[in-house]
Amino acid sequence: MPVQERVKFFTLVGEQAFRDENFSHEEVFGHLAEDDFTAAEAAEYLEVSIATFRRLVRDGKLTARAEVGRSQLFTVADLRAFKRQRTAIKG
């Protein structure tokens, strides 16, 4: 299935499945509180491209918690704080 159609499909499924529910961030992502994200996962969580994410790291706006080989790991708490900050600035 092409990506565009898959996105539409899962959006519809999600809307129908959770139509009458109002979940908090903690209820949905609480199990990830102690996890680390890779750069690709962090970019997806922040809803930015990997290139934009790499620029944020390069410019010192985000800092990796650890490096494993050539991979960097980012804490969920740092990403959540950064996302809230960006949302507050955008208004």
Protein backbone atom coordinates (compact mmCIF):
# COMPACT_ATOMS: atom_id res chain seq x y z
CA MET A 1 0.00 0.00 0.00
CA PRO A 2 1.46 3.42 -0.91
CA VAL A 3 2.51 5.61 2.01
CA GLN A 4 -0.17 8.27 1.41
CA GLU A 5 -2.93 5.67 1.44
CA ARG A 6 -1.47 3.98 4.51
CA VAL A 7 -1.44 7.31 6.38
CA LYS A 8 -5.06 7.97 5.44
CA PHE A 9 -6.08 4.45 6.45
CA PHE A 10 -4.47 4.57 9.88
CA THR A 11 -5.77 8.09 10.46
CA LEU A 12 -9.30 6.87 9.83
CA VAL A 13 -8.78 3.80 12.01
CA GLY A 14 -7.39 5.97 14.82
CA GLU A 15 -10.22 8.48 14.57
CA GLN A 16 -12.82 5.73 14.77
CA ALA A 17 -11.09 3.79 17.53
CA PHE A 18 -10.56 6.81 19.79
CA ARG A 19 -13.47 8.98 18.76
CA ASP A 20 -15.01 9.10 22.24
CA GLU A 21 -11.76 9.01 24.19
CA ASN A 22 -9.59 11.89 25.35
CA PHE A 23 -6.22 10.44 26.33
CA SER A 24 -3.54 12.48 28.08
CA HIS A 25 0.06 12.56 26.88
CA GLU A 26 0.99 10.49 29.94
CA GLU A 27 -1.56 7.80 29.10
CA VAL A 28 -0.30 7.46 25.55
CA PHE A 29 3.46 7.93 26.02
CA GLY A 30 3.94 7.27 29.75
CA HIS A 31 5.61 3.92 29.16
CA LEU A 32 8.35 5.72 27.20
CA ALA A 33 9.31 8.08 30.05
CA GLU A 34 12.58 6.31 30.79
CA ASP A 35 13.43 5.29 27.22
CA ASP A 36 15.89 6.87 24.86
CA PHE A 37 15.13 7.72 21.24
CA THR A 38 17.44 7.42 18.28
CA ALA A 39 17.86 10.48 16.07
CA ALA A 40 15.26 9.16 13.60
CA GLU A 41 12.75 8.42 16.37
CA ALA A 42 13.41 11.80 17.98
CA ALA A 43 12.88 13.61 14.67
CA GLU A 44 9.59 11.78 14.20
CA TYR A 45 8.50 12.63 17.76
CA LEU A 46 9.32 16.31 17.18
CA GLU A 47 7.59 16.18 13.78
CA VAL A 48 10.62 17.50 11.91
CA SER A 49 12.76 16.06 9.15
CA ILE A 50 15.96 14.25 10.05
CA ALA A 51 17.92 17.08 8.39
CA THR A 52 16.20 19.67 10.60
CA PHE A 53 16.78 17.48 13.63
CA ARG A 54 20.50 17.19 12.82
CA ARG A 55 20.68 21.00 12.51
CA LEU A 56 19.07 21.38 15.95
CA VAL A 57 21.72 19.06 17.40
CA ARG A 58 24.55 20.77 15.52
CA ASP A 59 23.38 24.19 16.75
CA GLY A 60 23.30 22.95 20.35
CA LYS A 61 19.53 23.24 20.78
CA LEU A 62 19.36 19.51 21.55
CA THR A 63 22.02 17.39 23.20
CA ALA A 64 22.44 13.65 23.02
CA ARG A 65 22.41 11.78 26.33
CA ALA A 66 24.77 9.13 25.01
CA GLU A 67 26.55 7.97 21.91
CA VAL A 68 26.73 4.34 20.91
CA GLY A 69 29.13 3.97 18.04
CA ARG A 70 27.98 6.58 15.53
CA SER A 71 24.43 6.66 16.90
CA GLN A 72 23.19 9.26 19.34
CA LEU A 73 20.48 8.65 21.96
CA PHE A 74 18.14 11.36 23.22
CA THR A 75 16.04 11.30 26.39
CA VAL A 76 12.29 11.55 26.13
CA ALA A 77 12.23 14.19 28.88
CA ASP A 78 14.58 16.48 26.91
CA LEU A 79 12.61 16.00 23.70
CA ARG A 80 9.30 16.67 25.45
CA ALA A 81 10.67 19.87 27.03
CA PHE A 82 12.01 21.04 23.67
CA LYS A 83 8.69 20.27 21.97
CA ARG A 84 6.77 22.22 24.63
CA GLN A 85 9.15 25.14 24.25
CA ARG A 86 8.69 25.20 20.45
CA THR A 87 4.90 24.98 20.85
CA ALA A 88 4.90 27.89 23.32
CA ILE A 89 6.96 30.03 20.92
CA LYS A 90 4.70 29.25 17.95
CA GLY A 91 1.69 30.26 20.05
